[in-house]
Amino acid sequence: MRKVTYSMSVSLDGYIVGPDGSFDWTVPDEEVFRFWIDEIQEVGVHLLGRRLYETMLYWETADQDPSLNDAELEWAALWKPLPKVVFSTTLSAVQGHARLASDSPAEEIKRLRAEPAESDIAIGGARLAAEAAASGLIDEYRAMVYPVLVGGGIPFFPRDERRVDLELVETRTFDSGVVYLRHRVAR
């Protein structure tokens, strides 16, 4: 069965976006960016909330930007054809290899898991991940922890007061001080 992963950059105090809506502290250096390139190659479909979808729209045409370096061009080449499912009540259309979800996150994940594929189902966006987590559908949490305290904003983990036991699968510390943590949900 396909694994569902929730992966985002997060501040040390647990936020994916600061109280002012910014996330400029998540700009990866080359080493971290290369890591994200390796990660996205394991993904067969990416589920996104509206805000993350709108943020990632840049990468649909980024290959036309002459200022991009080789790693950024490689990311764009991987991201652009990747199937995406967007959950939104306000968008009426999406671009590229994206489609608007017609079902709930739980139903969409169940349908995608039933498909004959071995690649991961990735979730991006805290609110969308919270819905999937509430239904017990996330198999792995992957946090790229940045050495910054932002003091509030949108939390990485849902605040549903439900205990979830995790098993550490992998850690990696980058020269920039960023730490990657990968945990599997203990079943």
C-alpha atoms as a PDB file:
ATOM      1  CA  MET A   1       0.000   0.000   0.000  1.00  0.00           C
ATOM      2  CA  ARG A   2       1.210   3.506  -0.797  1.00  0.00           C
ATOM      3  CA  LYS A   3       2.718   5.458   2.083  1.00  0.00           C
ATOM      4  CA  VAL A   4       1.288   8.892   2.970  1.00  0.00           C
ATOM      5  CA  THR A   5       3.935  11.387   4.069  1.00  0.00           C
ATOM      6  CA  TYR A   6       3.562  14.872   5.520  1.00  0.00           C
ATOM      7  CA  SER A   7       6.671  16.893   4.847  1.00  0.00           C
ATOM      8  CA  MET A   8       7.263  20.600   5.420  1.00  0.00           C
ATOM      9  CA  SER A   9       9.869  23.060   6.582  1.00  0.00           C
ATOM     10  CA  VAL A  10       9.268  24.087  10.176  1.00  0.00           C
ATOM     11  CA  SER A  11      10.725  26.520  12.701  1.00  0.00           C
ATOM     12  CA  LEU A  12      12.288  25.162  15.879  1.00  0.00           C
ATOM     13  CA  ASP A  13       9.201  26.346  17.782  1.00  0.00           C
ATOM     14  CA  GLY A  14       6.933  24.348  15.461  1.00  0.00           C
ATOM     15  CA  TYR A  15       5.538  26.713  12.819  1.00  0.00           C
ATOM     16  CA  ILE A  16       5.506  26.444   9.018  1.00  0.00           C
ATOM     17  CA  VAL A  17       4.577  30.109   8.623  1.00  0.00           C
ATOM     18  CA  GLY A  18       5.279  32.917  11.063  1.00  0.00           C
ATOM     19  CA  PRO A  19       2.660  35.179  12.678  1.00  0.00           C
ATOM     20  CA  ASP A  20       3.104  37.740   9.893  1.00  0.00           C
ATOM     21  CA  GLY A  21       2.504  35.105   7.188  1.00  0.00           C
ATOM     22  CA  SER A  22       6.143  34.951   6.133  1.00  0.00           C
ATOM     23  CA  PHE A  23       8.262  31.874   5.640  1.00  0.00           C
ATOM     24  CA  ASP A  24      11.372  33.509   4.180  1.00  0.00           C
ATOM     25  CA  TRP A  25      13.455  31.669   6.768  1.00  0.00           C
ATOM     26  CA  THR A  26      12.724  28.395   4.909  1.00  0.00           C
ATOM     27  CA  VAL A  27      14.720  29.259   1.796  1.00  0.00           C
ATOM     28  CA  PRO A  28      17.000  26.237   1.495  1.00  0.00           C
ATOM     29  CA  ASP A  29      20.701  26.421   0.845  1.00  0.00           C
ATOM     30  CA  GLU A  30      22.092  24.214  -1.925  1.00  0.00           C
ATOM     31  CA  GLU A  31      22.673  21.210   0.346  1.00  0.00           C
ATOM     32  CA  VAL A  32      19.090  21.250   1.678  1.00  0.00           C
ATOM     33  CA  PHE A  33      17.697  21.955  -1.787  1.00  0.00           C
ATOM     34  CA  ARG A  34      19.489  18.860  -3.156  1.00  0.00           C
ATOM     35  CA  PHE A  35      17.935  16.836  -0.344  1.00  0.00           C
ATOM     36  CA  TRP A  36      14.443  18.049  -1.341  1.00  0.00           C
ATOM     37  CA  ILE A  37      15.198  17.012  -4.933  1.00  0.00           C
ATOM     38  CA  ASP A  38      15.970  13.480  -3.745  1.00  0.00           C
ATOM     39  CA  GLU A  39      12.796  13.430  -1.628  1.00  0.00           C
ATOM     40  CA  ILE A  40      10.444  14.533  -4.418  1.00  0.00           C
ATOM     41  CA  GLN A  41      11.648  11.681  -6.620  1.00  0.00           C
ATOM     42  CA  GLU A  42       9.888   9.229  -4.257  1.00  0.00           C
ATOM     43  CA  VAL A  43       6.547  11.009  -4.674  1.00  0.00           C
ATOM     44  CA  GLY A  44       3.928   9.837  -7.147  1.00  0.00           C
ATOM     45  CA  VAL A  45       1.223  12.387  -6.291  1.00  0.00           C
ATOM     46  CA  HIS A  46       1.223  15.503  -4.133  1.00  0.00           C
ATOM     47  CA  LEU A  47      -1.810  16.692  -2.174  1.00  0.00           C
ATOM     48  CA  LEU A  48      -1.881  20.424  -1.508  1.00  0.00           C
ATOM     49  CA  GLY A  49      -4.100  22.940   0.192  1.00  0.00           C
ATOM     50  CA  ARG A  50      -4.911  26.153  -1.666  1.00  0.00           C
ATOM     51  CA  ARG A  51      -2.228  28.295  -0.004  1.00  0.00           C
ATOM     52  CA  LEU A  52       0.605  25.879  -0.702  1.00  0.00           C
ATOM     53  CA  TYR A  53      -0.671  25.300  -4.239  1.00  0.00           C
ATOM     54  CA  GLU A  54      -0.597  29.045  -4.902  1.00  0.00           C
ATOM     55  CA  THR A  55       2.914  29.295  -3.439  1.00  0.00           C
ATOM     56  CA  MET A  56       4.153  26.406  -5.584  1.00  0.00           C
ATOM     57  CA  LEU A  57       2.613  27.768  -8.818  1.00  0.00           C
ATOM     58  CA  TYR A  58       5.927  29.494  -9.477  1.00  0.00           C
ATOM     59  CA  TRP A  59       7.499  26.112 -10.253  1.00  0.00           C
ATOM     60  CA  GLU A  60       5.018  25.439 -13.081  1.00  0.00           C
ATOM     61  CA  THR A  61       6.853  27.994 -15.250  1.00  0.00           C
ATOM     62  CA  ALA A  62      10.158  28.324 -13.378  1.00  0.00           C
ATOM     63  CA  ASP A  63      12.041  26.501 -16.120  1.00  0.00           C
ATOM     64  CA  GLN A  64      11.638  29.663 -18.193  1.00  0.00           C
ATOM     65  CA  ASP A  65      13.496  31.782 -15.618  1.00  0.00           C
ATOM     66  CA  PRO A  66      17.060  32.316 -16.900  1.00  0.00           C
ATOM     67  CA  SER A  67      18.358  33.109 -13.395  1.00  0.00           C
ATOM     68  CA  LEU A  68      17.768  29.594 -12.031  1.00  0.00           C
ATOM     69  CA  ASN A  69      20.730  27.424 -11.139  1.00  0.00           C
ATOM     70  CA  ASP A  70      21.047  23.758 -12.119  1.00  0.00           C
ATOM     71  CA  ALA A  71      19.455  22.455  -8.904  1.00  0.00           C
ATOM     72  CA  GLU A  72      16.449  24.752  -9.281  1.00  0.00           C
ATOM     73  CA  LEU A  73      16.004  23.674 -12.899  1.00  0.00           C
ATOM     74  CA  GLU A  74      16.179  20.045 -11.796  1.00  0.00           C
ATOM     75  CA  TRP A  75      13.512  20.671  -9.126  1.00  0.00           C
ATOM     76  CA  ALA A  76      11.269  22.409 -11.675  1.00  0.00           C
ATOM     77  CA  ALA A  77      11.686  19.488 -14.090  1.00  0.00           C
ATOM     78  CA  LEU A  78      10.543  17.091 -11.346  1.00  0.00           C
ATOM     79  CA  TRP A  79       7.764  19.254  -9.898  1.00  0.00           C
ATOM     80  CA  LYS A  80       6.056  20.359 -13.108  1.00  0.00           C
ATOM     81  CA  PRO A  81       4.937  16.890 -14.375  1.00  0.00           C
ATOM     82  CA  LEU A  82       4.155  15.566 -10.885  1.00  0.00           C
ATOM     83  CA  PRO A  83       0.422  14.869 -10.472  1.00  0.00           C
ATOM     84  CA  LYS A  84      -1.092  17.198  -7.885  1.00  0.00           C
ATOM     85  CA  VAL A  85      -4.457  17.189  -6.135  1.00  0.00           C
ATOM     86  CA  VAL A  86      -5.561  20.568  -4.785  1.00  0.00           C
ATOM     87  CA  PHE A  87      -8.085  20.909  -1.967  1.00  0.00           C
ATOM     88  CA  SER A  88      -9.856  24.251  -2.126  1.00  0.00           C
ATOM     89  CA  THR A  89     -13.326  25.655  -1.694  1.00  0.00           C
ATOM     90  CA  THR A  90     -12.418  28.941  -3.391  1.00  0.00           C
ATOM     91  CA  LEU A  91     -10.496  27.934  -6.535  1.00  0.00           C
ATOM     92  CA  SER A  92     -12.493  27.110  -9.644  1.00  0.00           C
ATOM     93  CA  ALA A  93      -9.541  25.943 -11.750  1.00  0.00           C
ATOM     94  CA  VAL A  94      -5.929  24.810 -11.373  1.00  0.00           C
ATOM     95  CA  GLN A  95      -2.988  24.663 -13.770  1.00  0.00           C
ATOM     96  CA  GLY A  96      -0.575  22.107 -15.153  1.00  0.00           C
ATOM     97  CA  HIS A  97      -0.735  18.556 -13.864  1.00  0.00           C
ATOM     98  CA  ALA A  98      -3.036  19.535 -11.015  1.00  0.00           C
ATOM     99  CA  ARG A  99      -6.687  18.793 -10.474  1.00  0.00           C
ATOM    100  CA  LEU A 100      -9.159  20.010  -7.915  1.00  0.00           C
ATOM    101  CA  ALA A 101     -10.161  17.351  -5.412  1.00  0.00           C
ATOM    102  CA  SER A 102     -13.744  16.233  -5.665  1.00  0.00           C
ATOM    103  CA  ASP A 103     -13.697  14.159  -2.461  1.00  0.00           C
ATOM    104  CA  SER A 104     -12.646  14.743   1.124  1.00  0.00           C
ATOM    105  CA  PRO A 105      -8.948  14.269   1.927  1.00  0.00           C
ATOM    106  CA  ALA A 106      -9.744  10.901   3.549  1.00  0.00           C
ATOM    107  CA  GLU A 107     -11.659   9.653   0.503  1.00  0.00           C
ATOM    108  CA  GLU A 108      -9.015  10.948  -1.898  1.00  0.00           C
ATOM    109  CA  ILE A 109      -6.222   9.231   0.036  1.00  0.00           C
ATOM    110  CA  LYS A 110      -8.154   5.964   0.168  1.00  0.00           C
ATOM    111  CA  ARG A 111      -8.701   6.124  -3.603  1.00  0.00           C
ATOM    112  CA  LEU A 112      -5.029   6.929  -4.301  1.00  0.00           C
ATOM    113  CA  ARG A 113      -3.845   4.147  -1.996  1.00  0.00           C
ATOM    114  CA  ALA A 114      -5.950   1.671  -3.965  1.00  0.00           C
ATOM    115  CA  GLU A 115      -4.133   2.545  -7.195  1.00  0.00           C
ATOM    116  CA  PRO A 116      -1.410   0.141  -8.334  1.00  0.00           C
ATOM    117  CA  ALA A 117       1.598   2.329  -7.554  1.00  0.00           C
ATOM    118  CA  GLU A 118       4.519   2.122  -5.159  1.00  0.00           C
ATOM    119  CA  SER A 119       5.380   5.813  -4.994  1.00  0.00           C
ATOM    120  CA  ASP A 120       4.506   7.950  -1.980  1.00  0.00           C
ATOM    121  CA  ILE A 121       1.479  10.157  -1.570  1.00  0.00           C
ATOM    122  CA  ALA A 122       2.819  13.443  -0.199  1.00  0.00           C
ATOM    123  CA  ILE A 123       0.796  15.987   1.732  1.00  0.00           C
ATOM    124  CA  GLY A 124       1.824  19.614   1.930  1.00  0.00           C
ATOM    125  CA  GLY A 125       0.061  22.170   4.062  1.00  0.00           C
ATOM    126  CA  ALA A 126      -0.722  22.039   7.764  1.00  0.00           C
ATOM    127  CA  ARG A 127      -4.498  22.295   7.550  1.00  0.00           C
ATOM    128  CA  LEU A 128      -4.748  19.546   4.947  1.00  0.00           C
ATOM    129  CA  ALA A 129      -2.332  17.374   6.931  1.00  0.00           C
ATOM    130  CA  ALA A 130      -4.411  17.957  10.074  1.00  0.00           C
ATOM    131  CA  GLU A 131      -7.484  16.534   8.327  1.00  0.00           C
ATOM    132  CA  ALA A 132      -5.547  13.481   7.151  1.00  0.00           C
ATOM    133  CA  ALA A 133      -3.980  13.022  10.602  1.00  0.00           C
ATOM    134  CA  ALA A 134      -7.369  13.201  12.307  1.00  0.00           C
ATOM    135  CA  SER A 135      -8.425  10.243  10.157  1.00  0.00           C
ATOM    136  CA  GLY A 136      -5.218   8.359  10.993  1.00  0.00           C
ATOM    137  CA  LEU A 137      -4.033   8.447   7.371  1.00  0.00           C
ATOM    138  CA  ILE A 138      -0.484   9.823   7.737  1.00  0.00           C
ATOM    139  CA  ASP A 139       2.216   7.154   7.795  1.00  0.00           C
ATOM    140  CA  GLU A 140       5.275   9.405   8.137  1.00  0.00           C
ATOM    141  CA  TYR A 141       6.034  12.886   9.401  1.00  0.00           C
ATOM    142  CA  ARG A 142       9.054  14.523   7.807  1.00  0.00           C
ATOM    143  CA  ALA A 143      10.159  17.819   9.299  1.00  0.00           C
ATOM    144  CA  MET A 144      12.964  19.997   7.971  1.00  0.00           C
ATOM    145  CA  VAL A 145      13.622  21.959  11.180  1.00  0.00           C
ATOM    146  CA  TYR A 146      15.182  25.398  10.688  1.00  0.00           C
ATOM    147  CA  PRO A 147      17.183  27.053  13.482  1.00  0.00           C
ATOM    148  CA  VAL A 148      14.788  29.948  14.000  1.00  0.00           C
ATOM    149  CA  LEU A 149      12.034  30.810  16.482  1.00  0.00           C
ATOM    150  CA  VAL A 150       9.139  32.676  14.861  1.00  0.00           C
ATOM    151  CA  GLY A 151       6.883  32.964  17.905  1.00  0.00           C
ATOM    152  CA  GLY A 152       3.587  31.880  16.369  1.00  0.00           C
ATOM    153  CA  GLY A 153       1.769  31.364  13.104  1.00  0.00           C
ATOM    154  CA  ILE A 154       0.537  28.165  11.465  1.00  0.00           C
ATOM    155  CA  PRO A 155       1.709  25.123  13.425  1.00  0.00           C
ATOM    156  CA  PHE A 156       3.293  22.116  11.714  1.00  0.00           C
ATOM    157  CA  PHE A 157       1.403  19.637  13.884  1.00  0.00           C
ATOM    158  CA  PRO A 158      -2.358  19.639  14.243  1.00  0.00           C
ATOM    159  CA  ARG A 159      -3.657  20.674  17.643  1.00  0.00           C
ATOM    160  CA  ASP A 160      -6.281  17.963  17.957  1.00  0.00           C
ATOM    161  CA  GLU A 161      -5.196  16.752  21.406  1.00  0.00           C
ATOM    162  CA  ARG A 162      -4.758  13.230  20.103  1.00  0.00           C
ATOM    163  CA  ARG A 163      -1.688  11.228  20.979  1.00  0.00           C
ATOM    164  CA  VAL A 164       0.263   9.693  18.108  1.00  0.00           C
ATOM    165  CA  ASP A 165       3.270   7.522  18.926  1.00  0.00           C
ATOM    166  CA  LEU A 166       6.140   7.823  16.461  1.00  0.00           C
ATOM    167  CA  GLU A 167       9.260   5.815  15.664  1.00  0.00           C
ATOM    168  CA  LEU A 168      12.391   7.642  14.546  1.00  0.00           C
ATOM    169  CA  VAL A 169      13.404   6.479  11.061  1.00  0.00           C
ATOM    170  CA  GLU A 170      16.073   8.983  10.039  1.00  0.00           C
ATOM    171  CA  THR A 171      17.847  12.159  11.085  1.00  0.00           C
ATOM    172  CA  ARG A 172      20.243  14.325   9.190  1.00  0.00           C
ATOM    173  CA  THR A 173      21.989  17.538  10.171  1.00  0.00           C
ATOM    174  CA  PHE A 174      22.996  19.940   7.429  1.00  0.00           C
ATOM    175  CA  ASP A 175      25.948  22.346   7.545  1.00  0.00           C
ATOM    176  CA  SER A 176      23.482  25.265   7.773  1.00  0.00           C
ATOM    177  CA  GLY A 177      22.123  23.960  11.092  1.00  0.00           C
ATOM    178  CA  VAL A 178      18.909  22.659   9.519  1.00  0.00           C
ATOM    179  CA  VAL A 179      17.914  19.246  10.895  1.00  0.00           C
ATOM    180  CA  TYR A 180      15.807  16.705   9.020  1.00  0.00           C
ATOM    181  CA  LEU A 181      13.636  14.438  11.162  1.00  0.00           C
ATOM    182  CA  ARG A 182      11.712  11.520   9.698  1.00  0.00           C
ATOM    183  CA  HIS A 183       9.295   9.626  11.926  1.00  0.00           C
ATOM    184  CA  ARG A 184       6.994   6.723  11.126  1.00  0.00           C
ATOM    185  CA  VAL A 185       3.658   6.426  12.894  1.00  0.00           C
ATOM    186  CA  ALA A 186       3.841   3.470  15.296  1.00  0.00           C
ATOM    187  CA  ARG A 187       1.009   1.089  14.482  1.00  0.00           C
END
